[in-house]
PDB file of N, CA and C in Angstrom:
ATOM      1  N   UNK A   1     -18.958  -9.270   5.723  1.00  0.00           N
ATOM      2  CA  UNK A   1     -18.858  -7.936   5.152  1.00  0.00           C
ATOM      3  C   UNK A   1     -17.581  -7.244   5.619  1.00  0.00           C
ATOM      4  N   UNK A   2     -17.258  -7.379   6.926  1.00  0.00           N
ATOM      5  CA  UNK A   2     -16.056  -6.747   7.445  1.00  0.00           C
ATOM      6  C   UNK A   2     -14.811  -7.307   6.769  1.00  0.00           C
ATOM      7  N   UNK A   3     -14.787  -8.627   6.513  1.00  0.00           N
ATOM      8  CA  UNK A   3     -13.636  -9.230   5.854  1.00  0.00           C
ATOM      9  C   UNK A   3     -13.475  -8.682   4.443  1.00  0.00           C
ATOM     10  N   UNK A   4     -14.583  -8.518   3.722  1.00  0.00           N
ATOM     11  CA  UNK A   4     -14.547  -7.980   2.364  1.00  0.00           C
ATOM     12  C   UNK A   4     -13.962  -6.567   2.358  1.00  0.00           C
ATOM     13  N   UNK A   5     -14.418  -5.728   3.273  1.00  0.00           N
ATOM     14  CA  UNK A   5     -13.895  -4.362   3.372  1.00  0.00           C
ATOM     15  C   UNK A   5     -12.418  -4.394   3.729  1.00  0.00           C
ATOM     16  N   UNK A   6     -12.037  -5.277   4.647  1.00  0.00           N
ATOM     17  CA  UNK A   6     -10.639  -5.409   5.052  1.00  0.00           C
ATOM     18  C   UNK A   6      -9.765  -5.791   3.864  1.00  0.00           C
ATOM     19  N   UNK A   7     -10.215  -6.759   3.065  1.00  0.00           N
ATOM     20  CA  UNK A   7      -9.427  -7.208   1.910  1.00  0.00           C
ATOM     21  C   UNK A   7      -9.247  -6.065   0.918  1.00  0.00           C
ATOM     22  N   UNK A   8     -10.292  -5.299   0.655  1.00  0.00           N
ATOM     23  CA  UNK A   8     -10.178  -4.167  -0.272  1.00  0.00           C
ATOM     24  C   UNK A   8      -9.223  -3.118   0.290  1.00  0.00           C
ATOM     25  N   UNK A   9      -9.355  -2.798   1.562  1.00  0.00           N
ATOM     26  CA  UNK A   9      -8.470  -1.801   2.160  1.00  0.00           C
ATOM     27  C   UNK A   9      -7.025  -2.283   2.165  1.00  0.00           C
ATOM     28  N   UNK A  10      -6.809  -3.542   2.431  1.00  0.00           N
ATOM     29  CA  UNK A  10      -5.452  -4.061   2.457  1.00  0.00           C
ATOM     30  C   UNK A  10      -4.857  -4.114   1.053  1.00  0.00           C
ATOM     31  N   UNK A  11      -5.677  -4.334   0.053  1.00  0.00           N
ATOM     32  CA  UNK A  11      -5.176  -4.318  -1.315  1.00  0.00           C
ATOM     33  C   UNK A  11      -4.618  -2.942  -1.653  1.00  0.00           C
ATOM     34  N   UNK A  12      -5.182  -1.913  -1.045  1.00  0.00           N
ATOM     35  CA  UNK A  12      -4.704  -0.551  -1.251  1.00  0.00           C
ATOM     36  C   UNK A  12      -3.284  -0.398  -0.721  1.00  0.00           C
ATOM     37  N   UNK A  13      -2.892  -1.233   0.213  1.00  0.00           N
ATOM     38  CA  UNK A  13      -1.574  -1.119   0.820  1.00  0.00           C
ATOM     39  C   UNK A  13      -0.459  -1.681  -0.037  1.00  0.00           C
ATOM     40  N   UNK A  14      -0.718  -1.943  -1.290  1.00  0.00           N
ATOM     41  CA  UNK A  14       0.366  -2.224  -2.214  1.00  0.00           C
ATOM     42  C   UNK A  14       1.060  -0.886  -2.404  1.00  0.00           C
ATOM     43  N   UNK A  15       2.106  -0.679  -1.643  1.00  0.00           N
ATOM     44  CA  UNK A  15       2.607   0.658  -1.392  1.00  0.00           C
ATOM     45  C   UNK A  15       4.082   0.786  -1.743  1.00  0.00           C
ATOM     46  N   UNK A  16       4.471   1.989  -2.109  1.00  0.00           N
ATOM     47  CA  UNK A  16       5.880   2.292  -2.309  1.00  0.00           C
ATOM     48  C   UNK A  16       6.130   3.710  -1.827  1.00  0.00           C
ATOM     49  N   UNK A  17       7.390   4.030  -1.555  1.00  0.00           N
ATOM     50  CA  UNK A  17       7.685   5.404  -1.158  1.00  0.00           C
ATOM     51  C   UNK A  17       8.862   5.936  -1.965  1.00  0.00           C
ATOM     52  N   UNK A  18       8.861   7.238  -2.153  1.00  0.00           N
ATOM     53  CA  UNK A  18       9.855   7.867  -3.020  1.00  0.00           C
ATOM     54  C   UNK A  18      11.174   8.026  -2.293  1.00  0.00           C
ATOM     55  N   UNK A  19      12.251   7.518  -2.889  1.00  0.00           N
ATOM     56  CA  UNK A  19      13.593   7.783  -2.394  1.00  0.00           C
ATOM     57  C   UNK A  19      14.114   9.052  -3.061  1.00  0.00           C
ATOM     58  N   UNK A  20      13.756   9.229  -4.320  1.00  0.00           N
ATOM     59  CA  UNK A  20      14.069  10.428  -5.085  1.00  0.00           C
ATOM     60  C   UNK A  20      12.806  10.793  -5.849  1.00  0.00           C
ATOM     61  N   UNK A  21      12.878  11.746  -6.745  1.00  0.00           N
ATOM     62  CA  UNK A  21      11.678  12.231  -7.423  1.00  0.00           C
ATOM     63  C   UNK A  21      10.824  11.120  -8.034  1.00  0.00           C
ATOM     64  N   UNK A  22      11.386  10.291  -8.892  1.00  0.00           N
ATOM     65  CA  UNK A  22      10.602   9.251  -9.559  1.00  0.00           C
ATOM     66  C   UNK A  22      11.138   7.856  -9.275  1.00  0.00           C
ATOM     67  N   UNK A  23      11.849   7.696  -8.201  1.00  0.00           N
ATOM     68  CA  UNK A  23      12.439   6.409  -7.847  1.00  0.00           C
ATOM     69  C   UNK A  23      11.641   5.814  -6.698  1.00  0.00           C
ATOM     70  N   UNK A  24      10.789   4.835  -6.984  1.00  0.00           N
ATOM     71  CA  UNK A  24       9.941   4.240  -5.967  1.00  0.00           C
ATOM     72  C   UNK A  24      10.436   2.847  -5.604  1.00  0.00           C
ATOM     73  N   UNK A  25      10.235   2.488  -4.359  1.00  0.00           N
ATOM     74  CA  UNK A  25      10.622   1.182  -3.851  1.00  0.00           C
ATOM     75  C   UNK A  25       9.356   0.491  -3.350  1.00  0.00           C
ATOM     76  N   UNK A  26       9.126  -0.730  -3.798  1.00  0.00           N
ATOM     77  CA  UNK A  26       7.964  -1.486  -3.354  1.00  0.00           C
ATOM     78  C   UNK A  26       8.161  -1.898  -1.903  1.00  0.00           C
ATOM     79  N   UNK A  27       7.220  -1.536  -1.054  1.00  0.00           N
ATOM     80  CA  UNK A  27       7.304  -1.881   0.361  1.00  0.00           C
ATOM     81  C   UNK A  27       6.445  -3.083   0.716  1.00  0.00           C
ATOM     82  N   UNK A  28       5.283  -3.202   0.086  1.00  0.00           N
ATOM     83  CA  UNK A  28       4.370  -4.298   0.420  1.00  0.00           C
ATOM     84  C   UNK A  28       3.470  -4.590  -0.762  1.00  0.00           C
ATOM     85  N   UNK A  29       3.325  -5.869  -1.078  1.00  0.00           N
ATOM     86  CA  UNK A  29       2.437  -6.298  -2.152  1.00  0.00           C
ATOM     87  C   UNK A  29       1.560  -7.406  -1.592  1.00  0.00           C
ATOM     88  N   UNK A  30       0.256  -7.217  -1.683  1.00  0.00           N
ATOM     89  CA  UNK A  30      -0.694  -8.192  -1.152  1.00  0.00           C
ATOM     90  C   UNK A  30      -1.605  -8.680  -2.244  1.00  0.00           C
ATOM     91  N   UNK A  31      -1.873  -9.965  -2.262  1.00  0.00           N
ATOM     92  CA  UNK A  31      -2.774 -10.551  -3.237  1.00  0.00           C
ATOM     93  C   UNK A  31      -4.226 -10.412  -2.829  1.00  0.00           C
ATOM     94  N   UNK A  32      -5.123 -10.799  -3.719  1.00  0.00           N
ATOM     95  CA  UNK A  32      -6.559 -10.712  -3.472  1.00  0.00           C
ATOM     96  C   UNK A  32      -7.008 -11.630  -2.339  1.00  0.00           C
ATOM     97  N   UNK A  33      -6.200 -12.640  -2.021  1.00  0.00           N
ATOM     98  CA  UNK A  33      -6.549 -13.561  -0.943  1.00  0.00           C
ATOM     99  C   UNK A  33      -6.124 -13.030   0.427  1.00  0.00           C
ATOM    100  N   UNK A  34      -5.697 -11.773   0.490  1.00  0.00           N
ATOM    101  CA  UNK A  34      -5.305 -11.075   1.722  1.00  0.00           C
ATOM    102  C   UNK A  34      -3.996 -11.589   2.302  1.00  0.00           C
ATOM    103  N   UNK A  35      -3.209 -12.325   1.506  1.00  0.00           N
ATOM    104  CA  UNK A  35      -1.903 -12.791   1.970  1.00  0.00           C
ATOM    105  C   UNK A  35      -0.811 -11.949   1.322  1.00  0.00           C
ATOM    106  N   UNK A  36       0.211 -11.610   2.105  1.00  0.00           N
ATOM    107  CA  UNK A  36       1.319 -10.839   1.578  1.00  0.00           C
ATOM    108  C   UNK A  36       2.108 -11.631   0.558  1.00  0.00           C
ATOM    109  N   UNK A  37       2.490 -10.987  -0.533  1.00  0.00           N
ATOM    110  CA  UNK A  37       3.288 -11.631  -1.573  1.00  0.00           C
ATOM    111  C   UNK A  37       4.756 -11.260  -1.383  1.00  0.00           C
ATOM    112  N   UNK A  38       5.031  -9.970  -1.271  1.00  0.00           N
ATOM    113  CA  UNK A  38       6.392  -9.498  -1.007  1.00  0.00           C
ATOM    114  C   UNK A  38       6.341  -8.326  -0.038  1.00  0.00           C
ATOM    115  N   UNK A  39       7.468  -8.030   0.574  1.00  0.00           N
ATOM    116  CA  UNK A  39       7.558  -6.904   1.488  1.00  0.00           C
ATOM    117  C   UNK A  39       6.873  -7.201   2.813  1.00  0.00           C
ATOM    118  N   UNK A  40       6.649  -6.142   3.592  1.00  0.00           N
ATOM    119  CA  UNK A  40       6.023  -6.326   4.894  1.00  0.00           C
ATOM    120  C   UNK A  40       5.268  -5.066   5.311  1.00  0.00           C
ATOM    121  N   UNK A  41       4.266  -5.270   6.153  1.00  0.00           N
ATOM    122  CA  UNK A  41       3.503  -4.160   6.717  1.00  0.00           C
ATOM    123  C   UNK A  41       4.426  -3.296   7.575  1.00  0.00           C
ATOM    124  N   UNK A  42       5.408  -3.927   8.217  1.00  0.00           N
ATOM    125  CA  UNK A  42       6.346  -3.179   9.060  1.00  0.00           C
ATOM    126  C   UNK A  42       7.088  -2.116   8.250  1.00  0.00           C
ATOM    127  N   UNK A  43       7.465  -2.440   6.998  1.00  0.00           N
ATOM    128  CA  UNK A  43       8.132  -1.457   6.135  1.00  0.00           C
ATOM    129  C   UNK A  43       7.213  -0.274   5.834  1.00  0.00           C
ATOM    130  N   UNK A  44       5.935  -0.568   5.626  1.00  0.00           N
ATOM    131  CA  UNK A  44       4.965   0.498   5.373  1.00  0.00           C
ATOM    132  C   UNK A  44       4.842   1.385   6.607  1.00  0.00           C
ATOM    133  N   UNK A  45       4.747   0.770   7.786  1.00  0.00           N
ATOM    134  CA  UNK A  45       4.630   1.551   9.020  1.00  0.00           C
ATOM    135  C   UNK A  45       5.870   2.402   9.266  1.00  0.00           C
ATOM    136  N   UNK A  46       7.055   1.876   8.969  1.00  0.00           N
ATOM    137  CA  UNK A  46       8.291   2.663   9.107  1.00  0.00           C
ATOM    138  C   UNK A  46       8.259   3.883   8.190  1.00  0.00           C
ATOM    139  N   UNK A  47       7.805   3.690   6.953  1.00  0.00           N
ATOM    140  CA  UNK A  47       7.733   4.796   6.000  1.00  0.00           C
ATOM    141  C   UNK A  47       6.734   5.853   6.464  1.00  0.00           C
ATOM    142  N   UNK A  48       5.594   5.422   7.012  1.00  0.00           N
ATOM    143  CA  UNK A  48       4.598   6.363   7.526  1.00  0.00           C
ATOM    144  C   UNK A  48       5.186   7.160   8.677  1.00  0.00           C
ATOM    145  N   UNK A  49       5.830   6.460   9.615  1.00  0.00           N
ATOM    146  CA  UNK A  49       6.415   7.145  10.773  1.00  0.00           C
ATOM    147  C   UNK A  49       7.523   8.115  10.365  1.00  0.00           C
ATOM    148  N   UNK A  50       8.257   7.788   9.294  1.00  0.00           N
ATOM    149  CA  UNK A  50       9.347   8.642   8.826  1.00  0.00           C
ATOM    150  C   UNK A  50       8.840   9.802   7.959  1.00  0.00           C
ATOM    151  N   UNK A  51       7.552   9.822   7.671  1.00  0.00           N
ATOM    152  CA  UNK A  51       6.980  10.905   6.868  1.00  0.00           C
ATOM    153  C   UNK A  51       7.324  10.810   5.394  1.00  0.00           C
ATOM    154  N   UNK A  52       7.589   9.598   4.913  1.00  0.00           N
ATOM    155  CA  UNK A  52       7.927   9.409   3.497  1.00  0.00           C
ATOM    156  C   UNK A  52       6.696   9.632   2.618  1.00  0.00           C
ATOM    157  N   UNK A  53       6.955  10.009   1.383  1.00  0.00           N
ATOM    158  CA  UNK A  53       5.879  10.166   0.407  1.00  0.00           C
ATOM    159  C   UNK A  53       5.432   8.775  -0.017  1.00  0.00           C
ATOM    160  N   UNK A  54       4.162   8.465   0.166  1.00  0.00           N
ATOM    161  CA  UNK A  54       3.639   7.147  -0.172  1.00  0.00           C
ATOM    162  C   UNK A  54       2.778   7.212  -1.419  1.00  0.00           C
ATOM    163  N   UNK A  55       2.889   6.192  -2.244  1.00  0.00           N
ATOM    164  CA  UNK A  55       2.029   6.048  -3.418  1.00  0.00           C
ATOM    165  C   UNK A  55       1.374   4.680  -3.321  1.00  0.00           C
ATOM    166  N   UNK A  56       0.072   4.660  -3.516  1.00  0.00           N
ATOM    167  CA  UNK A  56      -0.699   3.432  -3.408  1.00  0.00           C
ATOM    168  C   UNK A  56      -1.165   2.989  -4.784  1.00  0.00           C
ATOM    169  N   UNK A  57      -1.180   1.679  -4.994  1.00  0.00           N
ATOM    170  CA  UNK A  57      -1.661   1.108  -6.250  1.00  0.00           C
ATOM    171  C   UNK A  57      -2.617  -0.027  -5.917  1.00  0.00           C
ATOM    172  N   UNK A  58      -3.747  -0.069  -6.604  1.00  0.00           N
ATOM    173  CA  UNK A  58      -4.723  -1.127  -6.378  1.00  0.00           C
ATOM    174  C   UNK A  58      -5.273  -1.578  -7.725  1.00  0.00           C
ATOM    175  N   UNK A  59      -5.263  -2.896  -7.952  1.00  0.00           N
ATOM    176  CA  UNK A  59      -5.811  -3.474  -9.175  1.00  0.00           C
ATOM    177  C   UNK A  59      -6.908  -4.443  -8.764  1.00  0.00           C
ATOM    178  N   UNK A  60      -8.149  -4.111  -9.091  1.00  0.00           N
ATOM    179  CA  UNK A  60      -9.281  -4.971  -8.758  1.00  0.00           C
ATOM    180  C   UNK A  60      -9.683  -5.865  -9.924  1.00  0.00           C
ATOM    181  N   UNK A  61      -8.899  -5.863 -10.983  1.00  0.00           N
ATOM    182  CA  UNK A  61      -9.202  -6.687 -12.141  1.00  0.00           C
ATOM    183  C   UNK A  61      -9.992  -5.941 -13.196  1.00  0.00           C
ATOM    184  N   UNK A  62     -10.973  -5.167 -12.775  1.00  0.00           N
ATOM    185  CA  UNK A  62     -11.787  -4.404 -13.721  1.00  0.00           C
ATOM    186  C   UNK A  62     -11.460  -2.914 -13.677  1.00  0.00           C
ATOM    187  N   UNK A  63     -10.691  -2.484 -12.680  1.00  0.00           N
ATOM    188  CA  UNK A  63     -10.282  -1.087 -12.560  1.00  0.00           C
ATOM    189  C   UNK A  63      -8.956  -1.039 -11.800  1.00  0.00           C
ATOM    190  N   UNK A  64      -8.095  -0.102 -12.178  1.00  0.00           N
ATOM    191  CA  UNK A  64      -6.827   0.106 -11.480  1.00  0.00           C
ATOM    192  C   UNK A  64      -6.806   1.525 -10.922  1.00  0.00           C
ATOM    193  N   UNK A  65      -6.254   1.661  -9.717  1.00  0.00           N
ATOM    194  CA  UNK A  65      -6.138   2.963  -9.072  1.00  0.00           C
ATOM    195  C   UNK A  65      -4.681   3.200  -8.698  1.00  0.00           C
ATOM    196  N   UNK A  66      -4.192   4.418  -8.915  1.00  0.00           N
ATOM    197  CA  UNK A  66      -2.886   4.860  -8.437  1.00  0.00           C
ATOM    198  C   UNK A  66      -3.118   6.205  -7.763  1.00  0.00           C
ATOM    199  N   UNK A  67      -2.624   6.345  -6.546  1.00  0.00           N
ATOM    200  CA  UNK A  67      -2.861   7.596  -5.830  1.00  0.00           C
ATOM    201  C   UNK A  67      -1.718   7.899  -4.874  1.00  0.00           C
ATOM    202  N   UNK A  68      -1.457   9.174  -4.676  1.00  0.00           N
ATOM    203  CA  UNK A  68      -0.529   9.597  -3.636  1.00  0.00           C
ATOM    204  C   UNK A  68      -1.305   9.632  -2.329  1.00  0.00           C
ATOM    205  N   UNK A  69      -0.714   9.093  -1.289  1.00  0.00           N
ATOM    206  CA  UNK A  69      -1.382   9.053   0.011  1.00  0.00           C
ATOM    207  C   UNK A  69      -1.043  10.325   0.773  1.00  0.00           C
ATOM    208  N   UNK A  70      -2.022  11.138   0.995  1.00  0.00           N
ATOM    209  CA  UNK A  70      -1.830  12.397   1.706  1.00  0.00           C
ATOM    210  C   UNK A  70      -2.030  12.236   3.205  1.00  0.00           C
ATOM    211  N   UNK A  71      -2.867  11.290   3.609  1.00  0.00           N
ATOM    212  CA  UNK A  71      -3.188  11.093   5.014  1.00  0.00           C
ATOM    213  C   UNK A  71      -3.263   9.596   5.289  1.00  0.00           C
ATOM    214  N   UNK A  72      -2.377   9.100   6.137  1.00  0.00           N
ATOM    215  CA  UNK A  72      -2.337   7.670   6.467  1.00  0.00           C
ATOM    216  C   UNK A  72      -2.264   7.513   7.965  1.00  0.00           C
ATOM    217  N   UNK A  73      -3.010   6.568   8.495  1.00  0.00           N
ATOM    218  CA  UNK A  73      -2.985   6.253   9.917  1.00  0.00           C
ATOM    219  C   UNK A  73      -2.499   4.826  10.107  1.00  0.00           C
ATOM    220  N   UNK A  74      -1.817   4.585  11.204  1.00  0.00           N
ATOM    221  CA  UNK A  74      -1.445   3.226  11.589  1.00  0.00           C
ATOM    222  C   UNK A  74      -2.422   2.814  12.666  1.00  0.00           C
ATOM    223  N   UNK A  75      -3.143   1.725  12.409  1.00  0.00           N
ATOM    224  CA  UNK A  75      -4.159   1.268  13.353  1.00  0.00           C
ATOM    225  C   UNK A  75      -3.834  -0.117  13.824  1.00  0.00           C
TER     226      UNK A  75
END
């Protein structure tokens, strides 16, 4: 159960941050198998520490979510 929750939460980390108003850069892309496809978690952590605006995207196959991240923690 913990692994399932982890995979869903990590899928949320398909993340980008705004350099300008509508110019986003992909920082990390993770597949459903919990393996990174492109980017790195370190880039996401740098953006969080720098206070960058983060946008999260998650595609579960049957539903897609896009959201601005207002509160993010590094654990």
